[in-house]
Amino acid sequence: MIDTLPMRGVKGTTGTQASFLELFDGDDEKVRRLNERVCELMGFSSFIPVSGQTYTRKLDGMVVK
């Protein structure tokens, strides 16, 4: 299932990347690269580009089945 399951990605507690953007002095390219690299290292080929604080639970349900 990991071949098709997207990772939530590198996001803060509210589901955004605002904290990472602050850490990288507003450089959104660095945040994007961090997100891609973490997903790659974790073995995911894709990530959820936009996620709220509670990302879709449909993905959780698919994993549990």
Protein backbone atom coordinates (compact mmCIF):
# COMPACT_ATOMS: atom_id res chain seq x y z
CA MET A 1 0.00 0.00 0.00
CA ILE A 2 2.92 2.35 0.60
CA ASP A 3 3.43 2.55 -3.17
CA THR A 4 0.23 4.61 -3.52
CA LEU A 5 -0.23 6.09 -0.05
CA PRO A 6 0.81 9.76 0.18
CA MET A 7 2.63 10.99 3.27
CA ARG A 8 1.13 13.86 5.23
CA GLY A 9 4.43 15.63 4.75
CA VAL A 10 6.39 17.97 6.97
CA LYS A 11 3.80 20.16 8.62
CA GLY A 12 3.42 21.80 11.99
CA THR A 13 0.80 21.22 14.66
CA THR A 14 -1.91 23.12 12.79
CA GLY A 15 -1.34 21.28 9.51
CA THR A 16 0.61 24.07 7.82
CA GLN A 17 4.26 24.63 7.05
CA ALA A 18 4.32 28.13 8.58
CA SER A 19 6.76 27.18 11.35
CA PHE A 20 9.20 25.74 8.81
CA LEU A 21 8.84 28.83 6.66
CA GLU A 22 9.80 30.92 9.69
CA LEU A 23 12.81 28.70 10.44
CA PHE A 24 14.02 29.14 6.85
CA ASP A 25 13.54 32.95 6.89
CA GLY A 26 10.66 32.84 4.43
CA ASP A 27 12.45 30.70 1.85
CA ASP A 28 9.60 28.52 0.58
CA GLU A 29 11.95 26.64 -1.76
CA LYS A 30 13.88 25.30 1.26
CA VAL A 31 10.62 24.24 2.91
CA ARG A 32 9.54 22.46 -0.27
CA ARG A 33 12.89 20.65 -0.53
CA LEU A 34 12.75 19.64 3.15
CA ASN A 35 9.28 18.21 2.66
CA GLU A 36 10.30 16.27 -0.45
CA ARG A 37 13.47 14.94 1.17
CA VAL A 38 11.73 13.74 4.34
CA CYS A 39 9.08 11.98 2.26
CA GLU A 40 11.78 10.37 0.14
CA LEU A 41 13.72 9.17 3.20
CA MET A 42 10.53 7.73 4.70
CA GLY A 43 9.88 5.76 1.51
CA PHE A 44 6.92 7.74 0.15
CA SER A 45 6.71 8.76 -3.49
CA SER A 46 4.14 11.52 -2.89
CA PHE A 47 2.77 13.75 -0.17
CA ILE A 48 -0.45 15.58 0.61
CA PRO A 49 0.18 19.13 -0.63
CA VAL A 50 -2.44 20.84 1.55
CA SER A 51 -3.57 19.39 4.85
CA GLY A 52 -5.68 20.78 7.62
CA GLN A 53 -4.98 20.13 11.27
CA THR A 54 -6.87 16.87 10.94
CA TYR A 55 -5.95 15.48 7.54
CA THR A 56 -8.30 13.14 5.79
CA ARG A 57 -9.18 10.11 7.90
CA LYS A 58 -10.02 8.16 4.75
CA LEU A 59 -6.32 7.35 4.45
CA ASP A 60 -6.28 5.98 8.00
CA GLY A 61 -9.26 3.79 7.18
CA MET A 62 -7.54 2.42 4.10
CA VAL A 63 -4.47 1.43 6.14
CA VAL A 64 -6.51 -0.24 8.88
CA LYS A 65 -8.44 -2.45 6.45
